[in-house]
N, C-alpha and C. Protein backbone atom coordinates (compact mmCIF):
# COMPACT_ATOMS: atom_id res chain seq x y z
N MET A 1 -11.91 -25.06 -28.06
CA MET A 1 -12.56 -26.17 -27.54
C MET A 1 -13.55 -25.51 -26.42
N GLU A 2 -14.72 -25.90 -26.58
CA GLU A 2 -15.73 -25.34 -25.47
C GLU A 2 -15.90 -26.23 -24.29
N LEU A 3 -15.89 -25.70 -23.22
CA LEU A 3 -15.87 -26.43 -21.96
C LEU A 3 -17.31 -27.14 -21.69
N SER A 4 -17.54 -28.19 -21.08
CA SER A 4 -18.95 -28.85 -20.86
C SER A 4 -19.30 -27.98 -19.71
N GLN A 5 -20.56 -28.17 -19.57
CA GLN A 5 -21.38 -27.59 -18.23
C GLN A 5 -20.51 -28.13 -16.96
N GLU A 6 -20.36 -29.39 -17.03
CA GLU A 6 -19.83 -29.88 -15.89
C GLU A 6 -18.35 -29.48 -15.46
N GLN A 7 -17.67 -28.79 -16.47
CA GLN A 7 -16.39 -28.16 -16.39
C GLN A 7 -16.71 -26.58 -16.06
N THR A 8 -17.56 -25.85 -16.77
CA THR A 8 -17.91 -24.54 -16.49
C THR A 8 -18.32 -24.26 -15.17
N GLU A 9 -19.32 -24.76 -14.72
CA GLU A 9 -20.03 -24.40 -13.46
C GLU A 9 -18.93 -24.39 -12.26
N PRO A 10 -18.31 -25.47 -12.08
CA PRO A 10 -17.40 -25.39 -10.91
C PRO A 10 -16.18 -24.45 -11.12
N LEU A 11 -15.78 -24.20 -12.33
CA LEU A 11 -14.82 -23.21 -12.56
C LEU A 11 -15.32 -21.89 -12.25
N LEU A 12 -16.44 -21.46 -12.81
CA LEU A 12 -17.00 -20.28 -12.49
C LEU A 12 -17.26 -19.94 -10.84
N SER A 13 -17.62 -21.02 -10.35
CA SER A 13 -17.89 -21.04 -8.95
C SER A 13 -16.57 -20.66 -8.07
N THR A 14 -15.36 -21.42 -8.64
CA THR A 14 -14.18 -21.14 -7.84
C THR A 14 -13.64 -19.76 -8.05
N LEU A 15 -13.72 -19.39 -9.46
CA LEU A 15 -13.34 -18.05 -9.64
C LEU A 15 -14.15 -16.85 -8.88
N LYS A 16 -15.34 -17.15 -8.87
CA LYS A 16 -16.33 -16.06 -8.23
C LYS A 16 -16.00 -16.02 -6.71
N ASN A 17 -15.70 -17.20 -6.16
CA ASN A 17 -15.29 -17.36 -4.62
C ASN A 17 -14.14 -16.65 -4.37
N ARG A 18 -13.18 -16.97 -5.16
CA ARG A 18 -11.71 -16.20 -5.15
C ARG A 18 -11.82 -14.75 -5.44
N PHE A 19 -12.70 -14.30 -6.45
CA PHE A 19 -12.85 -13.03 -6.67
C PHE A 19 -13.39 -12.16 -5.37
N GLU A 20 -14.46 -12.80 -4.59
CA GLU A 20 -15.19 -12.30 -3.53
C GLU A 20 -14.03 -12.19 -2.32
N LYS A 21 -13.37 -13.25 -2.24
CA LYS A 21 -12.40 -13.45 -1.09
C LYS A 21 -11.12 -12.33 -1.14
N TYR A 22 -10.66 -11.99 -2.38
CA TYR A 22 -9.66 -11.13 -2.61
C TYR A 22 -10.07 -9.87 -3.25
N ARG A 23 -11.04 -9.26 -2.72
CA ARG A 23 -11.62 -7.92 -3.43
C ARG A 23 -10.43 -6.82 -3.50
N HIS A 24 -9.50 -6.93 -2.50
CA HIS A 24 -8.52 -5.90 -2.71
C HIS A 24 -7.60 -5.82 -4.00
N ARG A 25 -7.72 -7.02 -4.81
CA ARG A 25 -7.11 -7.00 -6.07
C ARG A 25 -7.72 -6.46 -7.19
N HIS A 26 -9.05 -6.13 -6.95
CA HIS A 26 -9.94 -5.50 -8.04
C HIS A 26 -10.98 -4.64 -7.35
N LYS A 27 -10.53 -3.61 -6.69
CA LYS A 27 -11.36 -2.67 -6.12
C LYS A 27 -12.43 -2.14 -7.11
N GLY A 28 -13.80 -1.91 -6.52
CA GLY A 28 -14.58 -1.29 -7.43
C GLY A 28 -15.27 -2.19 -8.72
N LEU A 29 -14.74 -3.44 -8.85
CA LEU A 29 -15.19 -4.37 -9.86
C LEU A 29 -16.26 -5.17 -9.17
N GLU A 30 -17.18 -5.49 -9.97
CA GLU A 30 -18.28 -6.58 -9.56
C GLU A 30 -18.19 -7.78 -10.41
N TRP A 31 -18.60 -8.97 -9.93
CA TRP A 31 -18.37 -10.26 -10.50
C TRP A 31 -19.15 -10.35 -11.72
N LYS A 32 -20.52 -10.13 -11.62
CA LYS A 32 -21.39 -10.14 -12.87
C LYS A 32 -20.78 -9.90 -14.37
N PRO A 33 -20.15 -8.71 -14.50
CA PRO A 33 -19.66 -8.28 -15.75
C PRO A 33 -18.71 -9.36 -16.18
N VAL A 34 -17.82 -9.72 -15.24
CA VAL A 34 -16.69 -10.68 -15.43
C VAL A 34 -17.17 -11.85 -16.14
N GLU A 35 -18.20 -12.47 -15.22
CA GLU A 35 -18.80 -13.68 -15.54
C GLU A 35 -19.38 -13.67 -17.03
N GLU A 36 -20.26 -12.61 -17.31
CA GLU A 36 -20.80 -12.36 -18.48
C GLU A 36 -19.81 -12.53 -19.76
N LYS A 37 -18.73 -11.76 -19.63
CA LYS A 37 -17.76 -11.93 -20.56
C LYS A 37 -17.02 -13.19 -20.77
N LEU A 38 -16.74 -13.86 -19.61
CA LEU A 38 -16.23 -15.17 -19.73
C LEU A 38 -17.26 -16.34 -20.42
N LEU A 39 -18.53 -16.06 -20.22
CA LEU A 39 -19.41 -16.90 -20.69
C LEU A 39 -19.70 -16.80 -22.21
N ASN A 40 -19.02 -15.58 -22.71
CA ASN A 40 -19.11 -15.31 -24.25
C ASN A 40 -17.97 -15.55 -24.70
N ASP A 41 -16.95 -16.19 -24.16
CA ASP A 41 -15.63 -16.37 -24.71
C ASP A 41 -15.06 -17.78 -24.23
N PRO A 42 -15.57 -18.94 -24.92
CA PRO A 42 -15.25 -20.19 -24.45
C PRO A 42 -13.62 -20.36 -24.45
N GLU A 43 -12.79 -19.87 -25.31
CA GLU A 43 -11.45 -19.98 -25.40
C GLU A 43 -10.81 -19.48 -23.97
N LYS A 44 -11.24 -18.29 -23.66
CA LYS A 44 -10.83 -17.77 -22.47
C LYS A 44 -11.21 -18.60 -21.07
N LEU A 45 -12.41 -19.34 -21.16
CA LEU A 45 -12.79 -20.15 -20.21
C LEU A 45 -11.64 -21.38 -20.21
N ARG A 46 -11.52 -21.87 -21.32
CA ARG A 46 -10.41 -22.97 -21.37
C ARG A 46 -9.22 -22.72 -20.83
N SER A 47 -8.62 -21.43 -21.14
CA SER A 47 -7.31 -21.02 -20.65
C SER A 47 -7.53 -20.95 -19.16
N LEU A 48 -8.42 -20.40 -18.51
CA LEU A 48 -8.62 -20.09 -17.15
C LEU A 48 -8.69 -21.71 -16.63
N LEU A 49 -9.29 -22.53 -17.25
CA LEU A 49 -9.29 -23.95 -16.48
C LEU A 49 -7.98 -24.48 -16.72
N LEU A 50 -7.27 -24.35 -17.45
CA LEU A 50 -5.90 -24.75 -17.53
C LEU A 50 -5.08 -24.05 -16.54
N MET A 51 -5.24 -22.89 -16.15
CA MET A 51 -4.50 -22.01 -15.11
C MET A 51 -4.83 -22.54 -13.85
N GLU A 52 -6.12 -22.96 -13.77
CA GLU A 52 -6.63 -23.50 -12.44
C GLU A 52 -5.98 -24.97 -12.22
N GLU A 53 -6.14 -25.61 -13.28
CA GLU A 53 -5.76 -27.09 -13.11
C GLU A 53 -4.23 -27.21 -12.81
N THR A 54 -3.39 -26.32 -13.37
CA THR A 54 -2.03 -26.41 -13.14
C THR A 54 -1.62 -25.63 -12.05
N GLY A 55 -2.49 -25.15 -10.90
CA GLY A 55 -2.20 -24.76 -9.80
C GLY A 55 -2.07 -23.15 -9.69
N GLY A 56 -2.41 -22.39 -10.79
CA GLY A 56 -2.06 -20.88 -10.76
C GLY A 56 -3.14 -20.15 -9.90
N GLU A 57 -4.27 -20.64 -9.48
CA GLU A 57 -5.25 -19.70 -8.89
C GLU A 57 -5.50 -18.39 -9.41
N PRO A 58 -6.08 -18.47 -10.81
CA PRO A 58 -6.19 -17.14 -11.44
C PRO A 58 -7.24 -16.34 -10.73
N ASP A 59 -7.02 -15.02 -10.72
CA ASP A 59 -7.86 -13.97 -10.15
C ASP A 59 -7.90 -12.68 -10.98
N VAL A 60 -8.87 -11.85 -11.03
CA VAL A 60 -8.86 -10.56 -11.57
C VAL A 60 -7.99 -9.70 -10.85
N VAL A 61 -7.06 -9.10 -11.53
CA VAL A 61 -6.19 -8.05 -11.00
C VAL A 61 -6.37 -6.80 -11.72
N SER A 62 -6.55 -5.74 -10.89
CA SER A 62 -6.73 -4.48 -11.71
C SER A 62 -5.23 -3.72 -11.99
N ILE A 63 -4.86 -4.18 -13.04
CA ILE A 63 -3.57 -3.54 -13.58
C ILE A 63 -3.72 -3.36 -14.91
N THR A 64 -4.80 -2.97 -15.58
CA THR A 64 -5.03 -2.82 -16.95
C THR A 64 -5.55 -1.33 -17.06
N GLU A 65 -5.16 -0.76 -18.34
CA GLU A 65 -5.62 0.53 -18.76
C GLU A 65 -6.80 0.65 -19.45
N LYS A 66 -7.43 -0.52 -19.80
CA LYS A 66 -8.77 -0.58 -20.50
C LYS A 66 -9.88 -0.83 -19.49
N ALA A 67 -10.81 -0.07 -19.39
CA ALA A 67 -11.95 -0.15 -18.59
C ALA A 67 -12.73 -1.36 -18.91
N ASP A 68 -13.02 -1.73 -20.12
CA ASP A 68 -13.80 -2.84 -20.35
C ASP A 68 -13.04 -4.22 -20.58
N GLN A 69 -11.90 -4.32 -20.05
CA GLN A 69 -11.04 -5.48 -20.08
C GLN A 69 -10.61 -5.91 -18.56
N PHE A 70 -10.82 -7.18 -18.43
CA PHE A 70 -10.47 -7.75 -17.22
C PHE A 70 -9.07 -8.61 -17.24
N VAL A 71 -8.30 -8.56 -16.38
CA VAL A 71 -6.96 -9.07 -16.27
C VAL A 71 -6.97 -10.30 -15.53
N PHE A 72 -6.80 -11.45 -15.74
CA PHE A 72 -6.53 -12.49 -14.73
C PHE A 72 -5.23 -13.00 -14.66
N ILE A 73 -4.56 -12.80 -13.69
CA ILE A 73 -3.26 -13.26 -13.29
C ILE A 73 -3.09 -14.52 -12.28
N ASP A 74 -2.22 -15.37 -12.42
CA ASP A 74 -2.10 -16.39 -11.58
C ASP A 74 -1.58 -15.73 -10.14
N CYS A 75 -2.43 -16.17 -9.24
CA CYS A 75 -2.24 -15.55 -7.85
C CYS A 75 -1.94 -16.59 -6.60
N SER A 76 -1.36 -17.66 -7.10
CA SER A 76 -1.10 -18.79 -6.27
C SER A 76 0.18 -18.17 -5.33
N PRO A 77 0.35 -18.61 -4.10
CA PRO A 77 1.41 -18.04 -3.34
C PRO A 77 2.72 -18.34 -3.95
N GLU A 78 2.89 -19.48 -4.47
CA GLU A 78 4.17 -19.86 -5.08
C GLU A 78 3.98 -20.00 -6.51
N SER A 79 4.92 -20.21 -7.29
CA SER A 79 4.81 -20.38 -8.80
C SER A 79 4.13 -21.65 -8.70
N PRO A 80 3.01 -21.70 -9.84
CA PRO A 80 2.12 -22.80 -10.07
C PRO A 80 2.85 -24.22 -10.17
N LYS A 81 2.43 -25.10 -9.46
CA LYS A 81 3.22 -26.55 -9.26
C LYS A 81 3.19 -27.12 -10.69
N GLY A 82 2.05 -27.00 -11.40
CA GLY A 82 2.11 -27.80 -12.73
C GLY A 82 2.69 -27.09 -13.85
N ARG A 83 3.69 -26.05 -13.40
CA ARG A 83 4.28 -25.32 -14.44
C ARG A 83 5.70 -25.00 -14.12
N ARG A 84 6.25 -26.01 -13.47
CA ARG A 84 7.70 -25.66 -13.01
C ARG A 84 8.56 -26.70 -13.69
N SER A 85 9.96 -26.63 -13.45
CA SER A 85 11.01 -27.35 -14.20
C SER A 85 10.92 -27.14 -15.73
N LEU A 86 10.83 -25.88 -16.16
CA LEU A 86 10.87 -25.45 -17.55
C LEU A 86 11.81 -24.66 -17.83
N CYS A 87 12.38 -24.60 -19.02
CA CYS A 87 13.46 -23.63 -19.30
C CYS A 87 12.45 -22.68 -20.04
N TYR A 88 13.16 -21.57 -20.48
CA TYR A 88 12.42 -20.11 -20.91
C TYR A 88 11.57 -20.42 -22.21
N ASP A 89 12.15 -20.74 -23.27
CA ASP A 89 11.52 -20.95 -24.54
C ASP A 89 11.85 -21.94 -25.34
N SER A 90 11.31 -22.27 -26.56
CA SER A 90 11.63 -23.36 -27.48
C SER A 90 12.97 -23.39 -28.13
N GLU A 91 13.68 -22.10 -28.20
CA GLU A 91 15.03 -21.94 -28.71
C GLU A 91 15.84 -22.57 -27.49
N ALA A 92 15.55 -22.18 -26.33
CA ALA A 92 16.40 -22.73 -25.17
C ALA A 92 16.17 -24.40 -24.93
N LEU A 93 14.88 -24.79 -25.28
CA LEU A 93 14.60 -26.23 -25.09
C LEU A 93 15.45 -27.06 -26.13
N GLU A 94 15.44 -26.48 -27.24
CA GLU A 94 16.09 -27.15 -28.47
C GLU A 94 17.70 -27.13 -28.37
N SER A 95 18.25 -26.12 -27.51
CA SER A 95 19.59 -26.01 -27.43
C SER A 95 20.05 -27.08 -26.38
N ARG A 96 19.41 -27.51 -25.52
CA ARG A 96 19.77 -28.60 -24.51
C ARG A 96 20.15 -29.81 -25.21
N LYS A 97 21.40 -30.38 -24.93
CA LYS A 97 21.69 -31.61 -25.53
C LYS A 97 21.23 -32.80 -24.68
N THR A 98 21.10 -32.76 -23.34
CA THR A 98 20.84 -33.60 -22.39
C THR A 98 20.09 -33.24 -21.39
N TYR A 99 19.25 -33.90 -20.77
CA TYR A 99 18.41 -33.59 -19.48
C TYR A 99 17.46 -32.53 -19.98
N LYS A 100 16.70 -32.67 -21.15
CA LYS A 100 15.76 -31.61 -21.56
C LYS A 100 14.63 -31.68 -20.57
N PRO A 101 14.12 -30.52 -20.12
CA PRO A 101 12.99 -30.44 -19.44
C PRO A 101 11.64 -30.83 -20.44
N LYS A 102 10.52 -31.03 -19.96
CA LYS A 102 9.34 -31.59 -20.65
C LYS A 102 8.74 -30.39 -21.57
N ASN A 103 9.02 -29.17 -21.33
CA ASN A 103 8.58 -27.96 -22.23
C ASN A 103 9.25 -26.96 -21.72
N SER A 104 8.82 -25.79 -22.23
CA SER A 104 9.35 -24.43 -22.07
C SER A 104 8.24 -23.67 -21.36
N ALA A 105 8.68 -22.63 -20.74
CA ALA A 105 7.54 -21.71 -20.06
C ALA A 105 6.77 -21.08 -21.27
N GLN A 106 7.47 -20.47 -22.17
CA GLN A 106 6.78 -19.85 -23.40
C GLN A 106 5.85 -20.74 -24.24
N GLY A 107 6.54 -22.05 -24.33
CA GLY A 107 5.73 -23.09 -25.04
C GLY A 107 4.48 -23.41 -24.49
N MET A 108 4.53 -23.66 -23.16
CA MET A 108 3.40 -24.15 -22.22
C MET A 108 2.43 -23.01 -22.27
N ALA A 109 2.86 -21.67 -22.14
CA ALA A 109 1.77 -20.47 -22.06
C ALA A 109 1.17 -20.48 -23.39
N ALA A 110 1.78 -20.74 -24.46
CA ALA A 110 1.22 -20.65 -25.69
C ALA A 110 -0.06 -21.69 -25.78
N GLU A 111 0.54 -22.98 -25.53
CA GLU A 111 -0.44 -24.16 -25.56
C GLU A 111 -1.87 -23.79 -24.65
N MET A 112 -1.48 -23.07 -23.64
CA MET A 112 -2.72 -22.75 -22.49
C MET A 112 -3.30 -21.42 -22.98
N GLY A 113 -2.99 -20.72 -24.08
CA GLY A 113 -3.63 -19.47 -24.36
C GLY A 113 -3.40 -18.34 -23.55
N ILE A 114 -2.33 -18.24 -22.80
CA ILE A 114 -2.03 -17.21 -21.94
C ILE A 114 -0.64 -16.58 -22.33
N ALA A 115 -0.15 -15.54 -21.55
CA ALA A 115 1.16 -15.01 -21.75
C ALA A 115 1.90 -14.95 -20.49
N LEU A 116 3.32 -15.00 -20.46
CA LEU A 116 3.94 -14.77 -19.45
C LEU A 116 3.82 -13.33 -18.93
N LEU A 117 3.78 -13.08 -17.47
CA LEU A 117 3.76 -11.77 -17.08
C LEU A 117 4.99 -11.04 -17.39
N SER A 118 4.76 -9.74 -17.71
CA SER A 118 5.85 -8.92 -18.03
C SER A 118 6.53 -8.63 -16.76
N GLU A 119 7.69 -8.04 -16.62
CA GLU A 119 8.39 -7.65 -15.46
C GLU A 119 7.49 -6.56 -14.80
N GLU A 120 6.98 -5.68 -15.43
CA GLU A 120 6.13 -4.58 -14.79
C GLU A 120 4.83 -5.25 -14.14
N GLN A 121 4.28 -6.13 -14.77
CA GLN A 121 2.92 -6.94 -14.25
C GLN A 121 3.52 -7.81 -12.90
N TYR A 122 4.50 -8.38 -13.24
CA TYR A 122 5.21 -9.02 -12.06
C TYR A 122 5.31 -8.14 -10.64
N LEU A 123 5.94 -7.11 -11.01
CA LEU A 123 6.12 -6.18 -9.99
C LEU A 123 4.80 -5.56 -9.33
N ALA A 124 3.83 -5.39 -10.31
CA ALA A 124 2.54 -4.95 -9.89
C ALA A 124 1.85 -5.85 -8.96
N LEU A 125 1.80 -7.12 -9.40
CA LEU A 125 1.38 -8.27 -8.85
C LEU A 125 1.72 -8.18 -7.18
N GLN A 126 3.10 -7.98 -7.01
CA GLN A 126 3.59 -7.98 -5.68
C GLN A 126 2.80 -6.99 -4.74
N GLN A 127 2.23 -5.96 -5.23
CA GLN A 127 1.58 -4.98 -4.59
C GLN A 127 0.29 -5.74 -3.70
N PHE A 128 -0.05 -6.96 -4.12
CA PHE A 128 -1.26 -7.43 -3.51
C PHE A 128 -0.98 -8.65 -2.62
N GLY A 129 0.45 -8.92 -2.35
CA GLY A 129 0.80 -9.83 -1.53
C GLY A 129 2.29 -10.19 -1.72
N LYS A 130 2.80 -11.13 -0.99
CA LYS A 130 3.96 -11.65 -1.10
C LYS A 130 4.06 -13.00 -1.95
N PHE A 131 4.43 -13.10 -3.18
CA PHE A 131 4.36 -14.10 -4.15
C PHE A 131 5.67 -14.68 -4.38
N ASP A 132 5.75 -15.87 -4.60
CA ASP A 132 7.18 -16.58 -4.83
C ASP A 132 8.26 -16.25 -3.76
N THR A 133 7.74 -16.52 -2.45
CA THR A 133 8.72 -16.65 -1.35
C THR A 133 9.70 -17.77 -1.20
N LYS A 134 9.24 -18.77 -1.82
CA LYS A 134 10.22 -20.04 -1.92
C LYS A 134 10.47 -20.55 -3.37
N THR A 135 9.77 -19.98 -4.18
CA THR A 135 9.90 -20.49 -5.72
C THR A 135 10.40 -19.16 -6.51
N SER A 136 10.35 -19.36 -7.71
CA SER A 136 10.54 -18.07 -8.59
C SER A 136 9.77 -18.31 -9.82
N SER A 137 9.60 -17.31 -10.48
CA SER A 137 8.73 -17.33 -11.82
C SER A 137 9.52 -16.54 -12.89
N TRP A 138 9.68 -17.28 -14.24
CA TRP A 138 10.13 -16.67 -15.22
C TRP A 138 9.02 -15.54 -15.66
N VAL A 139 9.81 -14.42 -16.28
CA VAL A 139 8.85 -13.27 -16.81
C VAL A 139 9.29 -13.17 -18.21
N LYS A 140 8.47 -12.33 -18.86
CA LYS A 140 8.64 -11.89 -20.25
C LYS A 140 10.05 -11.23 -20.41
N THR A 141 10.96 -11.74 -21.11
CA THR A 141 12.41 -11.17 -21.22
C THR A 141 12.55 -10.34 -22.57
N PRO A 142 13.03 -9.09 -22.19
CA PRO A 142 13.22 -8.23 -23.34
C PRO A 142 14.06 -8.99 -24.35
N ASP A 143 13.80 -8.68 -25.64
CA ASP A 143 14.53 -9.24 -26.64
C ASP A 143 16.15 -8.91 -26.58
N ALA A 144 16.62 -7.76 -26.15
CA ALA A 144 17.94 -7.79 -26.04
C ALA A 144 18.56 -8.68 -25.06
N ILE A 145 17.90 -9.08 -24.06
CA ILE A 145 18.55 -9.97 -23.17
C ILE A 145 18.55 -11.40 -23.60
N ARG A 146 17.37 -11.74 -24.42
CA ARG A 146 17.09 -13.03 -24.88
C ARG A 146 18.14 -13.32 -26.11
N GLU A 147 18.35 -12.25 -26.90
CA GLU A 147 19.54 -12.40 -27.90
C GLU A 147 20.67 -12.73 -27.41
N LEU A 148 21.02 -12.38 -26.12
CA LEU A 148 22.44 -12.77 -25.52
C LEU A 148 22.32 -14.21 -24.92
N GLY A 149 21.26 -14.81 -24.91
CA GLY A 149 21.02 -16.08 -24.29
C GLY A 149 20.42 -16.19 -23.10
N GLY A 150 20.12 -14.97 -22.48
CA GLY A 150 19.50 -14.98 -21.07
C GLY A 150 18.03 -14.89 -21.00
N ALA A 151 17.56 -14.96 -19.93
CA ALA A 151 16.14 -14.83 -19.53
C ALA A 151 16.03 -14.25 -18.06
N ILE A 152 14.93 -13.58 -17.78
CA ILE A 152 14.84 -13.00 -16.32
C ILE A 152 13.74 -13.78 -15.64
N PHE A 153 13.86 -13.63 -14.28
CA PHE A 153 12.78 -14.24 -13.43
C PHE A 153 12.70 -13.46 -12.21
N GLY A 154 11.66 -13.73 -11.51
CA GLY A 154 11.38 -12.78 -10.32
C GLY A 154 11.12 -13.72 -9.05
N ASP A 155 11.31 -13.21 -7.90
CA ASP A 155 11.05 -13.73 -6.61
C ASP A 155 10.96 -12.75 -5.46
N TRP A 156 10.40 -13.13 -4.44
CA TRP A 156 10.15 -12.32 -3.13
C TRP A 156 11.33 -12.94 -2.25
N ARG A 157 12.30 -12.13 -1.67
CA ARG A 157 13.15 -12.67 -0.71
C ARG A 157 13.72 -11.33 0.05
N PHE A 158 13.89 -11.46 1.15
CA PHE A 158 14.37 -10.30 2.27
C PHE A 158 13.48 -9.28 2.21
N GLY A 159 12.32 -9.41 2.07
CA GLY A 159 11.39 -8.37 2.17
C GLY A 159 11.22 -7.45 1.08
N ARG A 160 11.62 -7.83 -0.26
CA ARG A 160 11.44 -7.31 -1.39
C ARG A 160 11.29 -8.17 -2.76
N VAL A 161 11.17 -7.48 -3.89
CA VAL A 161 10.95 -8.32 -5.02
C VAL A 161 12.29 -8.19 -5.69
N PHE A 162 12.80 -9.39 -6.09
CA PHE A 162 14.06 -9.23 -6.95
C PHE A 162 13.69 -9.74 -8.44
N ILE A 163 14.37 -9.29 -9.32
CA ILE A 163 14.34 -9.48 -10.83
C ILE A 163 15.85 -9.96 -11.06
N TYR A 164 16.02 -11.08 -11.51
CA TYR A 164 17.48 -11.63 -11.76
C TYR A 164 17.44 -12.27 -13.07
N HIS A 165 18.59 -12.77 -13.60
CA HIS A 165 18.74 -13.42 -14.69
C HIS A 165 19.35 -14.80 -14.55
N ASN A 166 19.25 -15.60 -15.59
CA ASN A 166 19.72 -17.01 -15.79
C ASN A 166 19.99 -17.33 -17.21
N GLY A 167 20.51 -18.33 -17.53
CA GLY A 167 20.58 -18.83 -18.97
C GLY A 167 19.36 -19.28 -19.42
N ALA A 168 18.67 -18.91 -20.50
CA ALA A 168 17.34 -19.30 -20.84
C ALA A 168 17.23 -20.78 -20.89
N GLU A 169 18.29 -21.60 -21.10
CA GLU A 169 17.98 -23.08 -21.06
C GLU A 169 18.13 -23.64 -19.76
N SER A 170 18.42 -22.87 -18.80
CA SER A 170 18.21 -23.38 -17.26
C SER A 170 16.82 -23.69 -16.91
N TYR A 171 16.67 -24.77 -16.09
CA TYR A 171 15.30 -24.99 -15.38
C TYR A 171 15.63 -25.54 -13.97
N TYR A 172 14.78 -25.25 -13.13
CA TYR A 172 14.98 -25.73 -11.63
C TYR A 172 13.45 -26.19 -11.27
N GLY A 173 13.42 -27.06 -10.23
CA GLY A 173 12.27 -27.67 -9.75
C GLY A 173 11.43 -26.52 -9.06
N ALA A 174 12.05 -25.32 -8.60
CA ALA A 174 11.44 -24.34 -7.89
C ALA A 174 11.18 -23.16 -8.77
N ARG A 175 11.32 -23.30 -10.12
CA ARG A 175 10.95 -22.15 -10.99
C ARG A 175 10.05 -22.48 -12.04
N GLY A 176 8.85 -21.75 -12.04
CA GLY A 176 7.84 -22.03 -12.94
C GLY A 176 7.55 -20.59 -13.84
N PHE A 177 6.24 -20.40 -13.97
CA PHE A 177 5.91 -19.24 -14.59
C PHE A 177 4.54 -18.70 -14.21
N ARG A 178 4.32 -17.69 -14.12
CA ARG A 178 2.83 -17.03 -13.87
C ARG A 178 2.32 -16.52 -15.32
N GLY A 179 1.11 -16.69 -15.39
CA GLY A 179 0.53 -16.26 -16.60
C GLY A 179 -0.52 -15.19 -16.35
N VAL A 180 -0.79 -14.47 -17.64
CA VAL A 180 -1.73 -13.42 -17.66
C VAL A 180 -2.59 -13.63 -18.77
N LEU A 181 -4.03 -13.36 -18.56
CA LEU A 181 -4.97 -13.65 -19.54
C LEU A 181 -5.88 -12.32 -19.61
N LYS A 182 -6.04 -11.73 -20.62
CA LYS A 182 -6.81 -10.51 -20.66
C LYS A 182 -8.22 -11.00 -21.33
N VAL A 183 -9.37 -10.58 -20.64
CA VAL A 183 -10.60 -11.07 -21.16
C VAL A 183 -11.36 -9.64 -21.51
């Protein structure tokens, strides 16, 4: 789905303003090459719009090994409001007999065209500020943990980052997920 001009212009303006305001997240990068890549990839623009609309405040974060690739990560201070109260994945969602959440983190991320942050990406993000001081965010869970019914999440408490576990079928009003999009 290609965005209209009325959707594209304000989105690019918001992204550019955030890019300029938080230069410490992407030292040495300039906005023009990012914008050019985005304008040539309508699906990525759509994903960024969805990230923005759900409260993610996506920004370019320098945690990639590829020089020609830009990585957008949700940089909202807390887990994005429009992506909370979700269990971990579709298997967890189906396992709930009562009080099912509206979706799963993995399912919603796939619909948006993004991925959950890995544990490493979540820890790297925390170098740019204190994120999830009142909320928590599901992170991509290793298969070995998921096969046992668990899933992992992260938050910032007591002056440090914690990565912890829960049953994948659990969901809380203060737990959502942060997405990553490579452009």
